[in-house]
Structure formats: structure tokens, C-alpha cells
Amino acid sequence: MAMSNVTLSESAANRIKAILAKQPDKSYLRVSVEGGGCSGFSYKFDLDDTANPDDLIVERNGVAVLVDEMSLEFMDGSEIDFSTELIGAAFKINNPNATAGCGCGTSFSV
């Protein structure tokens, strides 16, 4: 798999570590891009126990995130972050490829 510059923030790594500590049968957070959402594409977050041969593995602070090859085309250069705000806490993708997004932050267009 080609190298990519997808990164993981420290706050996201800490949150993933806390989630995985409660899920002993899972080893990774998987982030993927699917068609749909109010802006054309949306991010999907799942826990997984197996990395596929074509997955990009992004590591920080002892945790790993998987991004499949198809999703990587949309996420290249992105930072996976976790933010806590008054309206709630959520994973957030800071994606330089997105030309538009929605208010909820989980949907985007390219």
C-alpha cells in the first residue's frame, strides 16, 4: 500500500484507547467513507479485530486506526480528531479534500 499522510490527533488516540479498553475482542478503530449523507459522502466509524492487507494503519500512543484503500482516496491528508464541545463529543475528520460539509461534521463533498 502506498504511504499516506493521514494522521491521528492525541485526543483521538486517547479516546480510542479508552473505547478499546472496554472492548477486549477489538483491536482497531476502522474509519471508512461511504456514499450518502447530506453532502454526498459520510464517514463511518467501526471497531474491528482484523486489519486487511490493503488497509492503511495509522498509529499513535499505542492505538491503531484502519483506513481501507477506497476510503483513502477521499481521506488522503486528513487528520482524525476527537473533540469535546458543549453540544457533545465526537470523532471529527479534518479533511483538506472536502470542498463542502454539513453542520453535523460527518458528511462532506469533494
PDB file of N, CA and C in Angstrom:
ATOM      1  N   MET A   1       0.841  -1.184   0.000  1.00  0.00           N
ATOM      2  CA  MET A   1       0.000   0.000   0.000  1.00  0.00           C
ATOM      3  C   MET A   1       0.881   1.240   0.000  1.00  0.00           C
ATOM      4  N   ALA A   2       0.508   2.225  -0.770  1.00  0.00           N
ATOM      5  CA  ALA A   2       1.264   3.466  -0.840  1.00  0.00           C
ATOM      6  C   ALA A   2       1.163   4.217   0.489  1.00  0.00           C
ATOM      7  N   MET A   3       2.189   4.982   0.774  1.00  0.00           N
ATOM      8  CA  MET A   3       2.188   5.777   2.006  1.00  0.00           C
ATOM      9  C   MET A   3       1.148   6.892   1.884  1.00  0.00           C
ATOM     10  N   SER A   4       0.592   7.234   3.008  1.00  0.00           N
ATOM     11  CA  SER A   4      -0.398   8.302   3.041  1.00  0.00           C
ATOM     12  C   SER A   4      -0.087   9.191   4.226  1.00  0.00           C
ATOM     13  N   ASN A   5      -0.572  10.395   4.193  1.00  0.00           N
ATOM     14  CA  ASN A   5      -0.326  11.295   5.297  1.00  0.00           C
ATOM     15  C   ASN A   5      -1.588  11.503   6.139  1.00  0.00           C
ATOM     16  N   VAL A   6      -2.363  10.461   6.365  1.00  0.00           N
ATOM     17  CA  VAL A   6      -3.472  10.517   7.315  1.00  0.00           C
ATOM     18  C   VAL A   6      -2.856  10.469   8.707  1.00  0.00           C
ATOM     19  N   THR A   7      -3.311  11.360   9.590  1.00  0.00           N
ATOM     20  CA  THR A   7      -2.758  11.422  10.937  1.00  0.00           C
ATOM     21  C   THR A   7      -3.861  11.263  11.976  1.00  0.00           C
ATOM     22  N   LEU A   8      -3.428  11.021  13.190  1.00  0.00           N
ATOM     23  CA  LEU A   8      -4.327  10.802  14.318  1.00  0.00           C
ATOM     24  C   LEU A   8      -3.919  11.771  15.419  1.00  0.00           C
ATOM     25  N   SER A   9      -4.862  12.589  15.885  1.00  0.00           N
ATOM     26  CA  SER A   9      -4.534  13.539  16.945  1.00  0.00           C
ATOM     27  C   SER A   9      -4.380  12.809  18.276  1.00  0.00           C
ATOM     28  N   GLU A  10      -3.720  13.472  19.210  1.00  0.00           N
ATOM     29  CA  GLU A  10      -3.532  12.876  20.529  1.00  0.00           C
ATOM     30  C   GLU A  10      -4.874  12.654  21.227  1.00  0.00           C
ATOM     31  N   SER A  11      -5.808  13.598  21.097  1.00  0.00           N
ATOM     32  CA  SER A  11      -7.120  13.433  21.745  1.00  0.00           C
ATOM     33  C   SER A  11      -7.885  12.254  21.148  1.00  0.00           C
ATOM     34  N   ALA A  12      -7.766  12.039  19.828  1.00  0.00           N
ATOM     35  CA  ALA A  12      -8.423  10.888  19.206  1.00  0.00           C
ATOM     36  C   ALA A  12      -7.781   9.595  19.687  1.00  0.00           C
ATOM     37  N   ALA A  13      -6.453   9.568  19.748  1.00  0.00           N
ATOM     38  CA  ALA A  13      -5.764   8.363  20.213  1.00  0.00           C
ATOM     39  C   ALA A  13      -6.174   8.019  21.642  1.00  0.00           C
ATOM     40  N   ASN A  14      -6.266   9.014  22.495  1.00  0.00           N
ATOM     41  CA  ASN A  14      -6.671   8.769  23.885  1.00  0.00           C
ATOM     42  C   ASN A  14      -8.095   8.248  23.972  1.00  0.00           C
ATOM     43  N   ARG A  15      -8.991   8.797  23.177  1.00  0.00           N
ATOM     44  CA  ARG A  15     -10.385   8.341  23.187  1.00  0.00           C
ATOM     45  C   ARG A  15     -10.503   6.919  22.644  1.00  0.00           C
ATOM     46  N   ILE A  16      -9.779   6.612  21.575  1.00  0.00           N
ATOM     47  CA  ILE A  16      -9.796   5.259  21.010  1.00  0.00           C
ATOM     48  C   ILE A  16      -9.268   4.263  22.043  1.00  0.00           C
ATOM     49  N   LYS A  17      -8.204   4.633  22.739  1.00  0.00           N
ATOM     50  CA  LYS A  17      -7.632   3.755  23.766  1.00  0.00           C
ATOM     51  C   LYS A  17      -8.676   3.449  24.836  1.00  0.00           C
ATOM     52  N   ALA A  18      -9.427   4.457  25.253  1.00  0.00           N
ATOM     53  CA  ALA A  18     -10.476   4.259  26.265  1.00  0.00           C
ATOM     54  C   ALA A  18     -11.593   3.364  25.753  1.00  0.00           C
ATOM     55  N   ILE A  19     -11.983   3.535  24.504  1.00  0.00           N
ATOM     56  CA  ILE A  19     -13.050   2.709  23.908  1.00  0.00           C
ATOM     57  C   ILE A  19     -12.590   1.263  23.789  1.00  0.00           C
ATOM     58  N   LEU A  20     -11.387   1.056  23.269  1.00  0.00           N
ATOM     59  CA  LEU A  20     -10.882  -0.310  23.071  1.00  0.00           C
ATOM     60  C   LEU A  20     -10.650  -1.027  24.395  1.00  0.00           C
ATOM     61  N   ALA A  21     -10.363  -0.284  25.457  1.00  0.00           N
ATOM     62  CA  ALA A  21     -10.170  -0.911  26.768  1.00  0.00           C
ATOM     63  C   ALA A  21     -11.453  -1.600  27.241  1.00  0.00           C
ATOM     64  N   LYS A  22     -12.597  -1.124  26.776  1.00  0.00           N
ATOM     65  CA  LYS A  22     -13.890  -1.707  27.148  1.00  0.00           C
ATOM     66  C   LYS A  22     -14.357  -2.764  26.152  1.00  0.00           C
ATOM     67  N   GLN A  23     -13.589  -2.980  25.095  1.00  0.00           N
ATOM     68  CA  GLN A  23     -13.932  -3.942  24.039  1.00  0.00           C
ATOM     69  C   GLN A  23     -12.741  -4.885  23.825  1.00  0.00           C
ATOM     70  N   PRO A  24     -12.519  -5.836  24.722  1.00  0.00           N
ATOM     71  CA  PRO A  24     -11.306  -6.674  24.632  1.00  0.00           C
ATOM     72  C   PRO A  24     -11.206  -7.522  23.368  1.00  0.00           C
ATOM     73  N   ASP A  25     -12.304  -7.735  22.660  1.00  0.00           N
ATOM     74  CA  ASP A  25     -12.251  -8.529  21.429  1.00  0.00           C
ATOM     75  C   ASP A  25     -11.964  -7.680  20.190  1.00  0.00           C
ATOM     76  N   LYS A  26     -11.777  -6.384  20.363  1.00  0.00           N
ATOM     77  CA  LYS A  26     -11.494  -5.480  19.236  1.00  0.00           C
ATOM     78  C   LYS A  26     -10.122  -4.847  19.426  1.00  0.00           C
ATOM     79  N   SER A  27      -9.430  -4.639  18.306  1.00  0.00           N
ATOM     80  CA  SER A  27      -8.070  -4.105  18.357  1.00  0.00           C
ATOM     81  C   SER A  27      -7.911  -2.764  17.645  1.00  0.00           C
ATOM     82  N   TYR A  28      -8.872  -2.399  16.785  1.00  0.00           N
ATOM     83  CA  TYR A  28      -8.723  -1.224  15.937  1.00  0.00           C
ATOM     84  C   TYR A  28     -10.017  -0.418  15.857  1.00  0.00           C
ATOM     85  N   LEU A  29      -9.860   0.873  15.550  1.00  0.00           N
ATOM     86  CA  LEU A  29     -10.974   1.685  15.075  1.00  0.00           C
ATOM     87  C   LEU A  29     -10.827   1.721  13.561  1.00  0.00           C
ATOM     88  N   ARG A  30     -11.890   1.412  12.846  1.00  0.00           N
ATOM     89  CA  ARG A  30     -11.888   1.477  11.382  1.00  0.00           C
ATOM     90  C   ARG A  30     -12.682   2.706  10.956  1.00  0.00           C
ATOM     91  N   VAL A  31     -12.067   3.539  10.118  1.00  0.00           N
ATOM     92  CA  VAL A  31     -12.726   4.720   9.562  1.00  0.00           C
ATOM     93  C   VAL A  31     -12.871   4.492   8.069  1.00  0.00           C
ATOM     94  N   SER A  32     -14.092   4.662   7.561  1.00  0.00           N
ATOM     95  CA  SER A  32     -14.325   4.479   6.135  1.00  0.00           C
ATOM     96  C   SER A  32     -15.224   5.594   5.609  1.00  0.00           C
ATOM     97  N   VAL A  33     -15.242   5.719   4.299  1.00  0.00           N
ATOM     98  CA  VAL A  33     -16.075   6.712   3.623  1.00  0.00           C
ATOM     99  C   VAL A  33     -17.126   5.960   2.832  1.00  0.00           C
ATOM    100  N   GLU A  34     -18.380   6.389   2.985  1.00  0.00           N
ATOM    101  CA  GLU A  34     -19.497   5.782   2.263  1.00  0.00           C
ATOM    102  C   GLU A  34     -20.250   6.860   1.506  1.00  0.00           C
ATOM    103  N   GLY A  35     -20.913   6.453   0.434  1.00  0.00           N
ATOM    104  CA  GLY A  35     -21.796   7.369  -0.277  1.00  0.00           C
ATOM    105  C   GLY A  35     -23.019   7.635   0.584  1.00  0.00           C
ATOM    106  N   GLY A  36     -23.487   8.868   0.589  1.00  0.00           N
ATOM    107  CA  GLY A  36     -24.671   9.225   1.373  1.00  0.00           C
ATOM    108  C   GLY A  36     -24.394  10.427   2.252  1.00  0.00           C
ATOM    109  N   GLY A  37     -25.325  10.706   3.116  1.00  0.00           N
ATOM    110  CA  GLY A  37     -25.196  11.892   3.960  1.00  0.00           C
ATOM    111  C   GLY A  37     -25.707  13.106   3.215  1.00  0.00           C
ATOM    112  N   CYS A  38     -25.853  14.202   3.915  1.00  0.00           N
ATOM    113  CA  CYS A  38     -26.459  15.380   3.302  1.00  0.00           C
ATOM    114  C   CYS A  38     -25.530  16.103   2.326  1.00  0.00           C
ATOM    115  N   SER A  39     -24.233  15.759   2.306  1.00  0.00           N
ATOM    116  CA  SER A  39     -23.320  16.419   1.371  1.00  0.00           C
ATOM    117  C   SER A  39     -22.717  15.476   0.333  1.00  0.00           C
ATOM    118  N   GLY A  40     -23.157  14.215   0.292  1.00  0.00           N
ATOM    119  CA  GLY A  40     -22.676  13.302  -0.743  1.00  0.00           C
ATOM    120  C   GLY A  40     -21.902  12.111  -0.219  1.00  0.00           C
ATOM    121  N   PHE A  41     -21.027  12.325   0.766  1.00  0.00           N
ATOM    122  CA  PHE A  41     -20.255  11.244   1.378  1.00  0.00           C
ATOM    123  C   PHE A  41     -20.344  11.386   2.886  1.00  0.00           C
ATOM    124  N   SER A  42     -20.199  10.275   3.586  1.00  0.00           N
ATOM    125  CA  SER A  42     -20.185  10.345   5.046  1.00  0.00           C
ATOM    126  C   SER A  42     -19.121   9.412   5.596  1.00  0.00           C
ATOM    127  N   TYR A  43     -18.663   9.726   6.792  1.00  0.00           N
ATOM    128  CA  TYR A  43     -17.671   8.901   7.474  1.00  0.00           C
ATOM    129  C   TYR A  43     -18.383   7.854   8.313  1.00  0.00           C
ATOM    130  N   LYS A  44     -17.795   6.678   8.363  1.00  0.00           N
ATOM    131  CA  LYS A  44     -18.332   5.604   9.183  1.00  0.00           C
ATOM    132  C   LYS A  44     -17.220   5.153  10.128  1.00  0.00           C
ATOM    133  N   PHE A  45     -17.577   4.952  11.395  1.00  0.00           N
ATOM    134  CA  PHE A  45     -16.628   4.529  12.419  1.00  0.00           C
ATOM    135  C   PHE A  45     -17.080   3.190  12.982  1.00  0.00           C
ATOM    136  N   ASP A  46     -16.189   2.195  12.964  1.00  0.00           N
ATOM    137  CA  ASP A  46     -16.492   0.863  13.485  1.00  0.00           C
ATOM    138  C   ASP A  46     -15.297   0.364  14.280  1.00  0.00           C
ATOM    139  N   LEU A  47     -15.552  -0.572  15.176  1.00  0.00           N
ATOM    140  CA  LEU A  47     -14.470  -1.285  15.838  1.00  0.00           C
ATOM    141  C   LEU A  47     -14.210  -2.564  15.055  1.00  0.00           C
ATOM    142  N   ASP A  48     -12.954  -2.965  14.958  1.00  0.00           N
ATOM    143  CA  ASP A  48     -12.596  -4.148  14.175  1.00  0.00           C
ATOM    144  C   ASP A  48     -11.512  -4.920  14.913  1.00  0.00           C
ATOM    145  N   ASP A  49     -11.421  -6.212  14.600  1.00  0.00           N
ATOM    146  CA  ASP A  49     -10.392  -7.031  15.231  1.00  0.00           C
ATOM    147  C   ASP A  49      -9.319  -7.476  14.240  1.00  0.00           C
ATOM    148  N   THR A  50      -9.498  -7.149  12.954  1.00  0.00           N
ATOM    149  CA  THR A  50      -8.573  -7.619  11.937  1.00  0.00           C
ATOM    150  C   THR A  50      -8.259  -6.515  10.932  1.00  0.00           C
ATOM    151  N   ALA A  51      -6.982  -6.369  10.618  1.00  0.00           N
ATOM    152  CA  ALA A  51      -6.570  -5.446   9.557  1.00  0.00           C
ATOM    153  C   ALA A  51      -6.514  -6.226   8.251  1.00  0.00           C
ATOM    154  N   ASN A  52      -7.020  -5.642   7.181  1.00  0.00           N
ATOM    155  CA  ASN A  52      -6.950  -6.244   5.851  1.00  0.00           C
ATOM    156  C   ASN A  52      -5.603  -5.904   5.212  1.00  0.00           C
ATOM    157  N   PRO A  53      -5.136  -6.719   4.273  1.00  0.00           N
ATOM    158  CA  PRO A  53      -3.833  -6.458   3.645  1.00  0.00           C
ATOM    159  C   PRO A  53      -3.711  -5.085   2.987  1.00  0.00           C
ATOM    160  N   ASP A  54      -4.824  -4.535   2.482  1.00  0.00           N
ATOM    161  CA  ASP A  54      -4.757  -3.239   1.799  1.00  0.00           C
ATOM    162  C   ASP A  54      -5.105  -2.054   2.701  1.00  0.00           C
ATOM    163  N   ASP A  55      -5.280  -2.283   4.004  1.00  0.00           N
ATOM    164  CA  ASP A  55      -5.584  -1.190   4.931  1.00  0.00           C
ATOM    165  C   ASP A  55      -4.355  -0.337   5.215  1.00  0.00           C
ATOM    166  N   LEU A  56      -4.570   0.959   5.320  1.00  0.00           N
ATOM    167  CA  LEU A  56      -3.565   1.847   5.890  1.00  0.00           C
ATOM    168  C   LEU A  56      -3.737   1.753   7.399  1.00  0.00           C
ATOM    169  N   ILE A  57      -2.644   1.589   8.125  1.00  0.00           N
ATOM    170  CA  ILE A  57      -2.699   1.544   9.587  1.00  0.00           C
ATOM    171  C   ILE A  57      -2.048   2.814  10.105  1.00  0.00           C
ATOM    172  N   VAL A  58      -2.834   3.635  10.805  1.00  0.00           N
ATOM    173  CA  VAL A  58      -2.351   4.880  11.384  1.00  0.00           C
ATOM    174  C   VAL A  58      -2.223   4.641  12.886  1.00  0.00           C
ATOM    175  N   GLU A  59      -1.023   4.844  13.433  1.00  0.00           N
ATOM    176  CA  GLU A  59      -0.783   4.560  14.843  1.00  0.00           C
ATOM    177  C   GLU A  59      -0.343   5.803  15.602  1.00  0.00           C
ATOM    178  N   ARG A  60      -0.768   5.843  16.866  1.00  0.00           N
ATOM    179  CA  ARG A  60      -0.318   6.893  17.778  1.00  0.00           C
ATOM    180  C   ARG A  60      -0.615   6.443  19.200  1.00  0.00           C
ATOM    181  N   ASN A  61       0.321   6.639  20.088  1.00  0.00           N
ATOM    182  CA  ASN A  61       0.149   6.338  21.520  1.00  0.00           C
ATOM    183  C   ASN A  61      -0.353   4.919  21.775  1.00  0.00           C
ATOM    184  N   GLY A  62       0.090   3.967  20.970  1.00  0.00           N
ATOM    185  CA  GLY A  62      -0.269   2.575  21.210  1.00  0.00           C
ATOM    186  C   GLY A  62      -1.619   2.136  20.683  1.00  0.00           C
ATOM    187  N   VAL A  63      -2.298   2.984  19.913  1.00  0.00           N
ATOM    188  CA  VAL A  63      -3.559   2.579  19.289  1.00  0.00           C
ATOM    189  C   VAL A  63      -3.418   2.696  17.773  1.00  0.00           C
ATOM    190  N   ALA A  64      -4.266   1.949  17.069  1.00  0.00           N
ATOM    191  CA  ALA A  64      -4.198   1.944  15.605  1.00  0.00           C
ATOM    192  C   ALA A  64      -5.579   2.144  15.005  1.00  0.00           C
ATOM    193  N   VAL A  65      -5.595   2.909  13.913  1.00  0.00           N
ATOM    194  CA  VAL A  65      -6.808   3.150  13.140  1.00  0.00           C
ATOM    195  C   VAL A  65      -6.583   2.566  11.754  1.00  0.00           C
ATOM    196  N   LEU A  66      -7.611   1.910  11.228  1.00  0.00           N
ATOM    197  CA  LEU A  66      -7.554   1.331   9.892  1.00  0.00           C
ATOM    198  C   LEU A  66      -8.342   2.186   8.918  1.00  0.00           C
ATOM    199  N   VAL A  67      -7.781   2.396   7.730  1.00  0.00           N
ATOM    200  CA  VAL A  67      -8.483   3.085   6.637  1.00  0.00           C
ATOM    201  C   VAL A  67      -8.314   2.215   5.401  1.00  0.00           C
ATOM    202  N   ASP A  68      -9.434   1.795   4.807  1.00  0.00           N
ATOM    203  CA  ASP A  68      -9.349   0.941   3.622  1.00  0.00           C
ATOM    204  C   ASP A  68      -8.889   1.750   2.410  1.00  0.00           C
ATOM    205  N   GLU A  69      -8.414   1.034   1.398  1.00  0.00           N
ATOM    206  CA  GLU A  69      -7.823   1.660   0.226  1.00  0.00           C
ATOM    207  C   GLU A  69      -8.791   2.589  -0.509  1.00  0.00           C
ATOM    208  N   MET A  70     -10.048   2.189  -0.635  1.00  0.00           N
ATOM    209  CA  MET A  70     -11.039   3.027  -1.334  1.00  0.00           C
ATOM    210  C   MET A  70     -11.289   4.330  -0.561  1.00  0.00           C
ATOM    211  N   SER A  71     -11.412   4.237   0.757  1.00  0.00           N
ATOM    212  CA  SER A  71     -11.664   5.427   1.566  1.00  0.00           C
ATOM    213  C   SER A  71     -10.466   6.364   1.575  1.00  0.00           C
ATOM    214  N   LEU A  72      -9.285   5.796   1.459  1.00  0.00           N
ATOM    215  CA  LEU A  72      -8.063   6.593   1.484  1.00  0.00           C
ATOM    216  C   LEU A  72      -8.032   7.625   0.362  1.00  0.00           C
ATOM    217  N   GLU A  73      -8.636   7.291  -0.770  1.00  0.00           N
ATOM    218  CA  GLU A  73      -8.689   8.246  -1.879  1.00  0.00           C
ATOM    219  C   GLU A  73      -9.376   9.545  -1.457  1.00  0.00           C
ATOM    220  N   PHE A  74     -10.350   9.449  -0.563  1.00  0.00           N
ATOM    221  CA  PHE A  74     -11.095  10.624  -0.098  1.00  0.00           C
ATOM    222  C   PHE A  74     -10.460  11.252   1.137  1.00  0.00           C
ATOM    223  N   MET A  75      -9.664  10.479   1.876  1.00  0.00           N
ATOM    224  CA  MET A  75      -9.156  10.943   3.171  1.00  0.00           C
ATOM    225  C   MET A  75      -7.683  11.320   3.164  1.00  0.00           C
ATOM    226  N   ASP A  76      -6.995  11.198   2.040  1.00  0.00           N
ATOM    227  CA  ASP A  76      -5.564  11.492   1.997  1.00  0.00           C
ATOM    228  C   ASP A  76      -5.299  12.904   2.522  1.00  0.00           C
ATOM    229  N   GLY A  77      -4.385  13.019   3.470  1.00  0.00           N
ATOM    230  CA  GLY A  77      -4.055  14.318   4.053  1.00  0.00           C
ATOM    231  C   GLY A  77      -4.920  14.706   5.239  1.00  0.00           C
ATOM    232  N   SER A  78      -5.846  13.846   5.631  1.00  0.00           N
ATOM    233  CA  SER A  78      -6.778  14.161   6.714  1.00  0.00           C
ATOM    234  C   SER A  78      -6.189  13.898   8.090  1.00  0.00           C
ATOM    235  N   GLU A  79      -6.748  14.587   9.077  1.00  0.00           N
ATOM    236  CA  GLU A  79      -6.445  14.308  10.473  1.00  0.00           C
ATOM    237  C   GLU A  79      -7.709  13.778  11.135  1.00  0.00           C
ATOM    238  N   ILE A  80      -7.570  12.654  11.829  1.00  0.00           N
ATOM    239  CA  ILE A  80      -8.671  12.100  12.615  1.00  0.00           C
ATOM    240  C   ILE A  80      -8.533  12.687  14.006  1.00  0.00           C
ATOM    241  N   ASP A  81      -9.563  13.381  14.461  1.00  0.00           N
ATOM    242  CA  ASP A  81      -9.521  14.095  15.732  1.00  0.00           C
ATOM    243  C   ASP A  81     -10.717  13.682  16.584  1.00  0.00           C
ATOM    244  N   PHE A  82     -10.671  14.007  17.852  1.00  0.00           N
ATOM    245  CA  PHE A  82     -11.803  13.812  18.749  1.00  0.00           C
ATOM    246  C   PHE A  82     -12.001  15.119  19.480  1.00  0.00           C
ATOM    247  N   SER A  83     -13.200  15.691  19.370  1.00  0.00           N
ATOM    248  CA  SER A  83     -13.441  16.981  20.010  1.00  0.00           C
ATOM    249  C   SER A  83     -14.589  16.874  21.004  1.00  0.00           C
ATOM    250  N   THR A  84     -14.435  17.615  22.072  1.00  0.00           N
ATOM    251  CA  THR A  84     -15.474  17.693  23.098  1.00  0.00           C
ATOM    252  C   THR A  84     -15.967  19.128  23.116  1.00  0.00           C
ATOM    253  N   GLU A  85     -17.246  19.296  22.816  1.00  0.00           N
ATOM    254  CA  GLU A  85     -17.855  20.627  22.787  1.00  0.00           C
ATOM    255  C   GLU A  85     -19.128  20.614  23.612  1.00  0.00           C
ATOM    256  N   LEU A  86     -19.740  21.750  23.779  1.00  0.00           N
ATOM    257  CA  LEU A  86     -20.975  21.846  24.556  1.00  0.00           C
ATOM    258  C   LEU A  86     -22.079  20.960  24.002  1.00  0.00           C
ATOM    259  N   ILE A  87     -22.126  20.813  22.675  1.00  0.00           N
ATOM    260  CA  ILE A  87     -23.204  20.017  22.067  1.00  0.00           C
ATOM    261  C   ILE A  87     -22.912  18.527  22.073  1.00  0.00           C
ATOM    262  N   GLY A  88     -21.707  18.153  22.501  1.00  0.00           N
ATOM    263  CA  GLY A  88     -21.374  16.732  22.577  1.00  0.00           C
ATOM    264  C   GLY A  88     -19.937  16.471  22.186  1.00  0.00           C
ATOM    265  N   ALA A  89     -19.555  15.222  22.298  1.00  0.00           N
ATOM    266  CA  ALA A  89     -18.204  14.797  21.948  1.00  0.00           C
ATOM    267  C   ALA A  89     -18.297  13.836  20.776  1.00  0.00           C
ATOM    268  N   ALA A  90     -17.357  13.961  19.837  1.00  0.00           N
ATOM    269  CA  ALA A  90     -17.412  13.108  18.646  1.00  0.00           C
ATOM    270  C   ALA A  90     -16.070  13.080  17.942  1.00  0.00           C
ATOM    271  N   PHE A  91     -15.872  11.995  17.173  1.00  0.00           N
ATOM    272  CA  PHE A  91     -14.729  11.960  16.277  1.00  0.00           C
ATOM    273  C   PHE A  91     -15.011  12.917  15.128  1.00  0.00           C
ATOM    274  N   LYS A  92     -13.963  13.575  14.663  1.00  0.00           N
ATOM    275  CA  LYS A  92     -14.095  14.565  13.601  1.00  0.00           C
ATOM    276  C   LYS A  92     -12.941  14.356  12.628  1.00  0.00           C
ATOM    277  N   ILE A  93     -13.229  14.418  11.350  1.00  0.00           N
ATOM    278  CA  ILE A  93     -12.200  14.289  10.319  1.00  0.00           C
ATOM    279  C   ILE A  93     -11.925  15.678   9.755  1.00  0.00           C
ATOM    280  N   ASN A  94     -10.697  16.146   9.915  1.00  0.00           N
ATOM    281  CA  ASN A  94     -10.274  17.411   9.313  1.00  0.00           C
ATOM    282  C   ASN A  94      -9.697  17.054   7.944  1.00  0.00           C
ATOM    283  N   ASN A  95     -10.543  17.193   6.915  1.00  0.00           N
ATOM    284  CA  ASN A  95     -10.217  16.695   5.585  1.00  0.00           C
ATOM    285  C   ASN A  95      -9.966  17.846   4.612  1.00  0.00           C
ATOM    286  N   PRO A  96      -8.717  18.006   4.145  1.00  0.00           N
ATOM    287  CA  PRO A  96      -8.425  19.093   3.202  1.00  0.00           C
ATOM    288  C   PRO A  96      -9.015  18.859   1.810  1.00  0.00           C
ATOM    289  N   ASN A  97      -9.485  17.644   1.524  1.00  0.00           N
ATOM    290  CA  ASN A  97     -10.071  17.335   0.224  1.00  0.00           C
ATOM    291  C   ASN A  97     -11.546  17.713   0.142  1.00  0.00           C
ATOM    292  N   ALA A  98     -12.176  17.924   1.281  1.00  0.00           N
ATOM    293  CA  ALA A  98     -13.604  18.232   1.299  1.00  0.00           C
ATOM    294  C   ALA A  98     -13.831  19.661   0.816  1.00  0.00           C
ATOM    295  N   THR A  99     -14.691  19.808  -0.181  1.00  0.00           N
ATOM    296  CA  THR A  99     -14.999  21.144  -0.695  1.00  0.00           C
ATOM    297  C   THR A  99     -16.216  21.733  -0.013  1.00  0.00           C
ATOM    298  N   ALA A 100     -17.018  20.893   0.632  1.00  0.00           N
ATOM    299  CA  ALA A 100     -18.190  21.354   1.361  1.00  0.00           C
ATOM    300  C   ALA A 100     -18.487  20.321   2.438  1.00  0.00           C
ATOM    301  N   GLY A 101     -19.161  20.758   3.483  1.00  0.00           N
ATOM    302  CA  GLY A 101     -19.524  19.846   4.560  1.00  0.00           C
ATOM    303  C   GLY A 101     -20.858  20.252   5.129  1.00  0.00           C
ATOM    304  N   CYS A 102     -21.375  19.438   6.012  1.00  0.00           N
ATOM    305  CA  CYS A 102     -22.655  19.768   6.632  1.00  0.00           C
ATOM    306  C   CYS A 102     -22.411  20.214   8.064  1.00  0.00           C
ATOM    307  N   GLY A 103     -23.434  20.700   8.715  1.00  0.00           N
ATOM    308  CA  GLY A 103     -23.323  21.177  10.070  1.00  0.00           C
ATOM    309  C   GLY A 103     -22.950  20.123  11.083  1.00  0.00           C
ATOM    310  N   CYS A 104     -23.329  18.885  10.815  1.00  0.00           N
ATOM    311  CA  CYS A 104     -23.038  17.823  11.780  1.00  0.00           C
ATOM    312  C   CYS A 104     -21.586  17.365  11.713  1.00  0.00           C
ATOM    313  N   GLY A 105     -20.880  17.679  10.624  1.00  0.00           N
ATOM    314  CA  GLY A 105     -19.474  17.341  10.503  1.00  0.00           C
ATOM    315  C   GLY A 105     -19.175  15.923  10.075  1.00  0.00           C
ATOM    316  N   THR A 106     -20.203  15.115   9.791  1.00  0.00           N
ATOM    317  CA  THR A 106     -19.944  13.746   9.380  1.00  0.00           C
ATOM    318  C   THR A 106     -20.181  13.538   7.896  1.00  0.00           C
ATOM    319  N   SER A 107     -20.608  14.552   7.194  1.00  0.00           N
ATOM    320  CA  SER A 107     -20.902  14.437   5.775  1.00  0.00           C
ATOM    321  C   SER A 107     -20.101  15.487   5.022  1.00  0.00           C
ATOM    322  N   PHE A 108     -19.647  15.149   3.803  1.00  0.00           N
ATOM    323  CA  PHE A 108     -18.829  16.079   3.045  1.00  0.00           C
ATOM    324  C   PHE A 108     -18.965  15.803   1.553  1.00  0.00           C
ATOM    325  N   SER A 109     -18.466  16.724   0.733  1.00  0.00           N
ATOM    326  CA  SER A 109     -18.390  16.504  -0.710  1.00  0.00           C
ATOM    327  C   SER A 109     -16.973  16.856  -1.168  1.00  0.00           C
ATOM    328  N   VAL A 110     -16.607  16.298  -2.328  1.00  0.00           N
ATOM    329  CA  VAL A 110     -15.267  16.564  -2.879  1.00  0.00           C
ATOM    330  C   VAL A 110     -15.388  17.112  -4.282  1.00  0.00           C
TER     331      VAL A 110
END
